[in-house]
Amino acid sequence: MTYSYDPEKAKENGIDRMRLELGDTQFNPAELTAALSDEEYAAIIDMNPGWKKAKLKCVEAILMKFSHQTDMKVGPVSYDFSDRINFWKTIYDNLKGSSIGGIPVLYGSVGGKIEGKMYFHEDMQTNPRKVKI
């Protein structure tokens, strides 16, 4: 697996932009600090049409990867991995609530621009009380 980040390439829809937008740009050592490898990002971006959907799927993959980590304390040293999960879960919730392929409800129109929240969206019939990520 490889881990790279080139800020000059962040202008293009690709791995570097995804890393920048998700804040996954620190590698020291890469295999311990990076949320996903370059190959994982590339596969998710290629499999999902649309940037927002790919971004949501990347965050889902990160949550799945980190979901097994628990808080632990060894002597005076403690590791709070749940803080890391909460950070990614907040990003996931924000992305899930945004308009990813949704159809807006017409509350009113100002200058041809539709205002209001998205009503129809992907997975809208999923019961949020039964699905936990």
N, C-alpha and C. Protein backbone atom coordinates (compact mmCIF):
# COMPACT_ATOMS: atom_id res chain seq x y z
N MET A 1 0.85 -1.18 0.00
CA MET A 1 0.00 0.00 0.00
C MET A 1 0.89 1.24 0.00
N THR A 2 0.39 2.28 -0.65
CA THR A 2 1.15 3.53 -0.72
C THR A 2 0.36 4.66 -0.06
N TYR A 3 1.10 5.65 0.39
CA TYR A 3 0.53 6.82 1.03
C TYR A 3 1.25 8.05 0.48
N SER A 4 0.51 8.90 -0.18
CA SER A 4 1.13 10.10 -0.74
C SER A 4 0.16 11.26 -0.62
N TYR A 5 0.72 12.46 -0.71
CA TYR A 5 -0.10 13.66 -0.74
C TYR A 5 0.71 14.75 -1.42
N ASP A 6 0.15 15.30 -2.49
CA ASP A 6 0.78 16.38 -3.23
C ASP A 6 -0.22 17.54 -3.28
N PRO A 7 0.02 18.61 -2.50
CA PRO A 7 -0.92 19.74 -2.48
C PRO A 7 -1.16 20.36 -3.85
N GLU A 8 -0.19 20.25 -4.76
CA GLU A 8 -0.37 20.82 -6.10
C GLU A 8 -1.46 20.08 -6.88
N LYS A 9 -1.67 18.80 -6.58
CA LYS A 9 -2.68 18.01 -7.29
C LYS A 9 -4.05 18.11 -6.63
N ALA A 10 -4.17 18.87 -5.55
CA ALA A 10 -5.44 18.99 -4.83
C ALA A 10 -6.50 19.75 -5.63
N LYS A 11 -6.10 20.36 -6.72
CA LYS A 11 -7.06 21.09 -7.57
C LYS A 11 -7.88 20.14 -8.44
N GLU A 12 -7.39 18.92 -8.60
CA GLU A 12 -8.07 17.92 -9.45
C GLU A 12 -8.89 16.98 -8.57
N ASN A 13 -9.98 16.44 -9.13
CA ASN A 13 -10.76 15.44 -8.40
C ASN A 13 -9.98 14.14 -8.37
N GLY A 14 -9.31 13.89 -7.27
CA GLY A 14 -8.51 12.68 -7.14
C GLY A 14 -8.15 12.45 -5.69
N ILE A 15 -7.19 11.58 -5.48
CA ILE A 15 -6.77 11.17 -4.14
C ILE A 15 -6.32 12.37 -3.31
N ASP A 16 -5.50 13.24 -3.89
CA ASP A 16 -4.95 14.37 -3.14
C ASP A 16 -6.04 15.33 -2.68
N ARG A 17 -7.01 15.60 -3.54
CA ARG A 17 -8.12 16.48 -3.15
C ARG A 17 -8.95 15.82 -2.05
N MET A 18 -9.20 14.52 -2.18
CA MET A 18 -9.99 13.81 -1.17
C MET A 18 -9.27 13.85 0.17
N ARG A 19 -7.96 13.59 0.16
CA ARG A 19 -7.18 13.66 1.40
C ARG A 19 -7.27 15.05 2.01
N LEU A 20 -7.15 16.08 1.19
CA LEU A 20 -7.21 17.46 1.69
C LEU A 20 -8.58 17.77 2.29
N GLU A 21 -9.65 17.42 1.59
CA GLU A 21 -11.00 17.73 2.07
C GLU A 21 -11.35 16.95 3.34
N LEU A 22 -10.78 15.76 3.51
CA LEU A 22 -11.07 14.97 4.71
C LEU A 22 -10.04 15.18 5.81
N GLY A 23 -8.99 15.94 5.53
CA GLY A 23 -7.98 16.20 6.55
C GLY A 23 -7.06 15.02 6.80
N ASP A 24 -6.88 14.16 5.81
CA ASP A 24 -6.05 12.97 5.93
C ASP A 24 -4.71 13.21 5.23
N THR A 25 -3.96 14.20 5.71
CA THR A 25 -2.74 14.60 5.02
C THR A 25 -1.47 14.40 5.86
N GLN A 26 -1.58 13.92 7.08
CA GLN A 26 -0.42 13.74 7.94
C GLN A 26 0.05 12.29 7.88
N PHE A 27 1.32 12.07 7.54
CA PHE A 27 1.86 10.71 7.44
C PHE A 27 3.17 10.62 8.21
N ASN A 28 3.11 10.12 9.42
CA ASN A 28 4.33 9.96 10.19
C ASN A 28 4.11 8.95 11.31
N PRO A 29 4.30 7.71 11.17
CA PRO A 29 4.46 6.93 9.95
C PRO A 29 3.12 6.72 9.25
N ALA A 30 3.15 6.65 7.96
CA ALA A 30 1.93 6.66 7.14
C ALA A 30 0.97 5.53 7.48
N GLU A 31 1.47 4.32 7.63
CA GLU A 31 0.56 3.19 7.85
C GLU A 31 -0.18 3.28 9.18
N LEU A 32 0.31 4.10 10.11
CA LEU A 32 -0.36 4.25 11.40
C LEU A 32 -1.24 5.49 11.48
N THR A 33 -0.94 6.50 10.68
CA THR A 33 -1.67 7.76 10.81
C THR A 33 -2.65 8.04 9.68
N ALA A 34 -2.42 7.46 8.51
CA ALA A 34 -3.32 7.72 7.38
C ALA A 34 -4.62 6.95 7.57
N ALA A 35 -5.72 7.60 7.24
CA ALA A 35 -7.02 6.94 7.37
C ALA A 35 -7.17 5.83 6.34
N LEU A 36 -6.80 6.11 5.09
CA LEU A 36 -6.87 5.12 4.01
C LEU A 36 -5.62 5.24 3.15
N SER A 37 -5.28 4.18 2.46
CA SER A 37 -4.14 4.21 1.54
C SER A 37 -4.57 4.83 0.22
N ASP A 38 -3.61 5.16 -0.62
CA ASP A 38 -3.90 5.71 -1.95
C ASP A 38 -4.77 4.76 -2.76
N GLU A 39 -4.46 3.46 -2.68
CA GLU A 39 -5.21 2.47 -3.44
C GLU A 39 -6.67 2.40 -2.99
N GLU A 40 -6.90 2.53 -1.69
CA GLU A 40 -8.27 2.49 -1.17
C GLU A 40 -9.05 3.72 -1.63
N TYR A 41 -8.43 4.90 -1.54
CA TYR A 41 -9.08 6.12 -2.04
C TYR A 41 -9.40 6.00 -3.53
N ALA A 42 -8.41 5.53 -4.30
CA ALA A 42 -8.60 5.43 -5.75
C ALA A 42 -9.76 4.49 -6.08
N ALA A 43 -9.83 3.35 -5.40
CA ALA A 43 -10.91 2.39 -5.67
C ALA A 43 -12.27 2.99 -5.34
N ILE A 44 -12.38 3.67 -4.22
CA ILE A 44 -13.67 4.25 -3.81
C ILE A 44 -14.08 5.37 -4.76
N ILE A 45 -13.14 6.21 -5.16
CA ILE A 45 -13.44 7.32 -6.09
C ILE A 45 -13.89 6.76 -7.43
N ASP A 46 -13.21 5.70 -7.91
CA ASP A 46 -13.57 5.10 -9.20
C ASP A 46 -14.93 4.41 -9.18
N MET A 47 -15.31 3.83 -8.05
CA MET A 47 -16.56 3.07 -7.96
C MET A 47 -17.81 3.94 -7.79
N ASN A 48 -17.63 5.19 -7.39
CA ASN A 48 -18.78 6.02 -7.06
C ASN A 48 -18.87 7.24 -7.96
N PRO A 49 -20.00 7.38 -8.65
CA PRO A 49 -20.18 8.56 -9.50
C PRO A 49 -20.46 9.78 -8.63
N GLY A 50 -19.87 10.87 -8.97
CA GLY A 50 -20.10 12.11 -8.22
C GLY A 50 -19.14 12.23 -7.05
N TRP A 51 -18.62 13.43 -6.88
CA TRP A 51 -17.62 13.69 -5.85
C TRP A 51 -18.18 13.53 -4.44
N LYS A 52 -19.38 14.06 -4.19
CA LYS A 52 -19.95 13.99 -2.85
C LYS A 52 -20.23 12.55 -2.42
N LYS A 53 -20.71 11.74 -3.35
CA LYS A 53 -20.98 10.34 -3.01
C LYS A 53 -19.67 9.61 -2.73
N ALA A 54 -18.65 9.86 -3.53
CA ALA A 54 -17.35 9.23 -3.30
C ALA A 54 -16.79 9.65 -1.94
N LYS A 55 -16.98 10.92 -1.59
CA LYS A 55 -16.50 11.42 -0.31
C LYS A 55 -17.23 10.73 0.84
N LEU A 56 -18.53 10.57 0.71
CA LEU A 56 -19.31 9.88 1.74
C LEU A 56 -18.84 8.43 1.87
N LYS A 57 -18.60 7.76 0.76
CA LYS A 57 -18.15 6.37 0.79
C LYS A 57 -16.75 6.26 1.39
N CYS A 58 -15.89 7.25 1.16
CA CYS A 58 -14.57 7.25 1.79
C CYS A 58 -14.69 7.34 3.30
N VAL A 59 -15.56 8.22 3.77
CA VAL A 59 -15.75 8.37 5.21
C VAL A 59 -16.36 7.09 5.80
N GLU A 60 -17.28 6.45 5.08
CA GLU A 60 -17.83 5.17 5.54
C GLU A 60 -16.73 4.13 5.68
N ALA A 61 -15.83 4.07 4.71
CA ALA A 61 -14.71 3.11 4.77
C ALA A 61 -13.80 3.41 5.95
N ILE A 62 -13.56 4.69 6.21
CA ILE A 62 -12.72 5.08 7.34
C ILE A 62 -13.39 4.66 8.65
N LEU A 63 -14.69 4.89 8.76
CA LEU A 63 -15.41 4.49 9.98
C LEU A 63 -15.34 2.98 10.18
N MET A 64 -15.51 2.23 9.10
CA MET A 64 -15.43 0.77 9.22
C MET A 64 -14.02 0.33 9.65
N LYS A 65 -13.02 1.00 9.12
CA LYS A 65 -11.63 0.64 9.44
C LYS A 65 -11.31 0.92 10.91
N PHE A 66 -11.82 2.03 11.43
CA PHE A 66 -11.50 2.42 12.80
C PHE A 66 -12.50 1.92 13.84
N SER A 67 -13.58 1.31 13.42
CA SER A 67 -14.64 0.96 14.36
C SER A 67 -14.22 -0.08 15.40
N HIS A 68 -13.21 -0.86 15.12
CA HIS A 68 -12.77 -1.88 16.06
C HIS A 68 -11.82 -1.35 17.12
N GLN A 69 -11.33 -0.13 16.96
CA GLN A 69 -10.38 0.43 17.91
C GLN A 69 -11.09 0.90 19.17
N THR A 70 -10.51 0.61 20.31
CA THR A 70 -11.10 0.99 21.58
C THR A 70 -10.13 1.86 22.37
N ASP A 71 -10.67 2.56 23.35
CA ASP A 71 -9.82 3.35 24.24
C ASP A 71 -9.04 2.39 25.14
N MET A 72 -7.82 2.77 25.46
CA MET A 72 -7.05 1.91 26.35
C MET A 72 -6.07 2.74 27.16
N LYS A 73 -5.71 2.19 28.28
CA LYS A 73 -4.78 2.87 29.17
C LYS A 73 -3.74 1.86 29.64
N VAL A 74 -2.48 2.23 29.48
CA VAL A 74 -1.38 1.39 29.93
C VAL A 74 -0.53 2.25 30.84
N GLY A 75 -0.66 2.02 32.13
CA GLY A 75 0.05 2.85 33.09
C GLY A 75 -0.42 4.29 32.98
N PRO A 76 0.52 5.22 32.89
CA PRO A 76 0.12 6.64 32.80
C PRO A 76 -0.27 7.07 31.38
N VAL A 77 -0.09 6.20 30.39
CA VAL A 77 -0.36 6.54 29.00
C VAL A 77 -1.75 6.04 28.61
N SER A 78 -2.56 6.92 28.02
CA SER A 78 -3.89 6.49 27.56
C SER A 78 -4.07 6.89 26.10
N TYR A 79 -4.82 6.06 25.40
CA TYR A 79 -5.13 6.29 24.00
C TYR A 79 -6.64 6.38 23.85
N ASP A 80 -7.12 7.54 23.43
CA ASP A 80 -8.56 7.76 23.28
C ASP A 80 -8.94 7.65 21.81
N PHE A 81 -9.08 6.42 21.33
CA PHE A 81 -9.42 6.19 19.93
C PHE A 81 -10.87 6.57 19.64
N SER A 82 -11.72 6.61 20.65
CA SER A 82 -13.11 6.99 20.42
C SER A 82 -13.22 8.43 19.94
N ASP A 83 -12.27 9.28 20.33
CA ASP A 83 -12.26 10.67 19.84
C ASP A 83 -12.07 10.68 18.33
N ARG A 84 -11.23 9.80 17.84
CA ARG A 84 -10.97 9.70 16.41
C ARG A 84 -12.24 9.25 15.67
N ILE A 85 -12.94 8.28 16.24
CA ILE A 85 -14.19 7.79 15.65
C ILE A 85 -15.23 8.90 15.66
N ASN A 86 -15.33 9.64 16.75
CA ASN A 86 -16.31 10.73 16.84
C ASN A 86 -16.04 11.81 15.80
N PHE A 87 -14.77 12.10 15.54
CA PHE A 87 -14.40 13.07 14.51
C PHE A 87 -14.93 12.63 13.15
N TRP A 88 -14.67 11.38 12.77
CA TRP A 88 -15.10 10.87 11.47
C TRP A 88 -16.62 10.71 11.42
N LYS A 89 -17.24 10.37 12.54
CA LYS A 89 -18.70 10.22 12.57
C LYS A 89 -19.37 11.58 12.36
N THR A 90 -18.80 12.65 12.89
CA THR A 90 -19.34 13.99 12.68
C THR A 90 -19.27 14.37 11.20
N ILE A 91 -18.15 14.08 10.56
CA ILE A 91 -18.01 14.34 9.13
C ILE A 91 -19.04 13.52 8.35
N TYR A 92 -19.19 12.25 8.72
CA TYR A 92 -20.15 11.37 8.05
C TYR A 92 -21.57 11.93 8.19
N ASP A 93 -21.96 12.32 9.40
CA ASP A 93 -23.31 12.85 9.62
C ASP A 93 -23.55 14.12 8.81
N ASN A 94 -22.55 14.98 8.73
CA ASN A 94 -22.69 16.20 7.93
C ASN A 94 -22.85 15.90 6.45
N LEU A 95 -22.07 14.94 5.95
CA LEU A 95 -22.17 14.56 4.54
C LEU A 95 -23.49 13.88 4.26
N LYS A 96 -23.92 13.00 5.14
CA LYS A 96 -25.16 12.27 4.95
C LYS A 96 -26.36 13.21 4.94
N GLY A 97 -26.29 14.29 5.70
CA GLY A 97 -27.39 15.25 5.76
C GLY A 97 -27.39 16.23 4.61
N SER A 98 -26.31 16.28 3.84
CA SER A 98 -26.26 17.21 2.72
C SER A 98 -26.94 16.60 1.50
N SER A 99 -26.99 17.35 0.45
CA SER A 99 -27.73 16.92 -0.75
C SER A 99 -26.87 16.07 -1.66
N ILE A 100 -26.80 14.77 -1.38
CA ILE A 100 -26.07 13.84 -2.23
C ILE A 100 -27.10 13.17 -3.12
N GLY A 101 -27.27 13.69 -4.31
CA GLY A 101 -28.21 13.10 -5.24
C GLY A 101 -29.66 13.28 -4.83
N GLY A 102 -29.94 14.30 -4.03
CA GLY A 102 -31.30 14.52 -3.56
C GLY A 102 -32.09 15.41 -4.48
N ILE A 103 -33.39 15.43 -4.28
CA ILE A 103 -34.29 16.31 -5.02
C ILE A 103 -34.81 17.34 -4.03
N PRO A 104 -34.62 18.63 -4.28
CA PRO A 104 -35.03 19.62 -3.30
C PRO A 104 -36.54 19.79 -3.22
N VAL A 105 -36.99 20.12 -2.03
CA VAL A 105 -38.39 20.46 -1.82
C VAL A 105 -38.54 21.93 -2.19
N LEU A 106 -39.58 22.25 -2.93
CA LEU A 106 -39.76 23.63 -3.38
C LEU A 106 -40.49 24.45 -2.33
N TYR A 107 -39.73 25.08 -1.44
CA TYR A 107 -40.32 25.98 -0.46
C TYR A 107 -40.55 27.35 -1.09
N GLY A 108 -39.79 27.63 -2.08
CA GLY A 108 -39.90 28.91 -2.75
C GLY A 108 -38.72 29.07 -3.68
N SER A 109 -38.86 29.95 -4.61
CA SER A 109 -37.80 30.13 -5.57
C SER A 109 -37.43 31.60 -5.62
N VAL A 110 -36.13 31.87 -5.53
CA VAL A 110 -35.65 33.24 -5.60
C VAL A 110 -34.66 33.31 -6.75
N GLY A 111 -34.99 34.03 -7.78
CA GLY A 111 -34.10 34.18 -8.92
C GLY A 111 -33.79 32.86 -9.60
N GLY A 112 -34.73 31.93 -9.60
CA GLY A 112 -34.52 30.65 -10.26
C GLY A 112 -33.76 29.65 -9.41
N LYS A 113 -33.29 30.05 -8.23
CA LYS A 113 -32.56 29.14 -7.36
C LYS A 113 -33.54 28.51 -6.37
N ILE A 114 -33.48 27.21 -6.22
CA ILE A 114 -34.39 26.50 -5.34
C ILE A 114 -33.87 26.58 -3.91
N GLU A 115 -34.76 26.93 -3.00
CA GLU A 115 -34.39 27.00 -1.60
C GLU A 115 -35.07 25.87 -0.83
N GLY A 116 -34.47 25.46 0.27
CA GLY A 116 -35.08 24.43 1.11
C GLY A 116 -34.18 23.22 1.24
N LYS A 117 -34.59 22.32 2.10
CA LYS A 117 -33.82 21.10 2.34
C LYS A 117 -34.16 20.04 1.32
N MET A 118 -33.26 19.09 1.18
CA MET A 118 -33.50 17.99 0.27
C MET A 118 -34.52 17.05 0.90
N TYR A 119 -35.49 16.64 0.13
CA TYR A 119 -36.53 15.74 0.63
C TYR A 119 -36.24 14.30 0.21
N PHE A 120 -36.07 14.08 -1.08
CA PHE A 120 -35.74 12.74 -1.56
C PHE A 120 -34.23 12.60 -1.61
N HIS A 121 -33.72 11.54 -1.05
CA HIS A 121 -32.28 11.32 -1.06
C HIS A 121 -32.00 9.83 -1.01
N GLU A 122 -30.76 9.47 -1.29
CA GLU A 122 -30.35 8.07 -1.29
C GLU A 122 -30.53 7.49 0.12
N ASP A 123 -31.01 6.29 0.21
CA ASP A 123 -31.23 5.58 1.48
C ASP A 123 -32.25 6.27 2.37
N MET A 124 -33.20 6.99 1.77
CA MET A 124 -34.15 7.74 2.59
C MET A 124 -35.08 6.84 3.38
N GLN A 125 -35.24 5.59 2.97
CA GLN A 125 -36.12 4.70 3.69
C GLN A 125 -35.38 3.82 4.69
N THR A 126 -34.10 4.05 4.85
CA THR A 126 -33.33 3.32 5.84
C THR A 126 -33.72 3.81 7.23
N ASN A 127 -33.97 2.90 8.13
CA ASN A 127 -34.34 3.25 9.49
C ASN A 127 -33.07 3.62 10.26
N PRO A 128 -32.89 4.90 10.62
CA PRO A 128 -31.66 5.31 11.29
C PRO A 128 -31.51 4.72 12.68
N ARG A 129 -32.60 4.24 13.28
CA ARG A 129 -32.52 3.63 14.60
C ARG A 129 -31.97 2.22 14.54
N LYS A 130 -32.01 1.59 13.37
CA LYS A 130 -31.53 0.22 13.23
C LYS A 130 -30.13 0.15 12.64
N VAL A 131 -29.72 1.16 11.91
CA VAL A 131 -28.42 1.16 11.25
C VAL A 131 -27.46 2.00 12.08
N LYS A 132 -26.42 1.37 12.57
CA LYS A 132 -25.42 2.09 13.36
C LYS A 132 -24.07 1.90 12.71
N ILE A 133 -23.38 3.01 12.52
CA ILE A 133 -22.04 2.95 11.92
C ILE A 133 -21.06 3.52 12.90
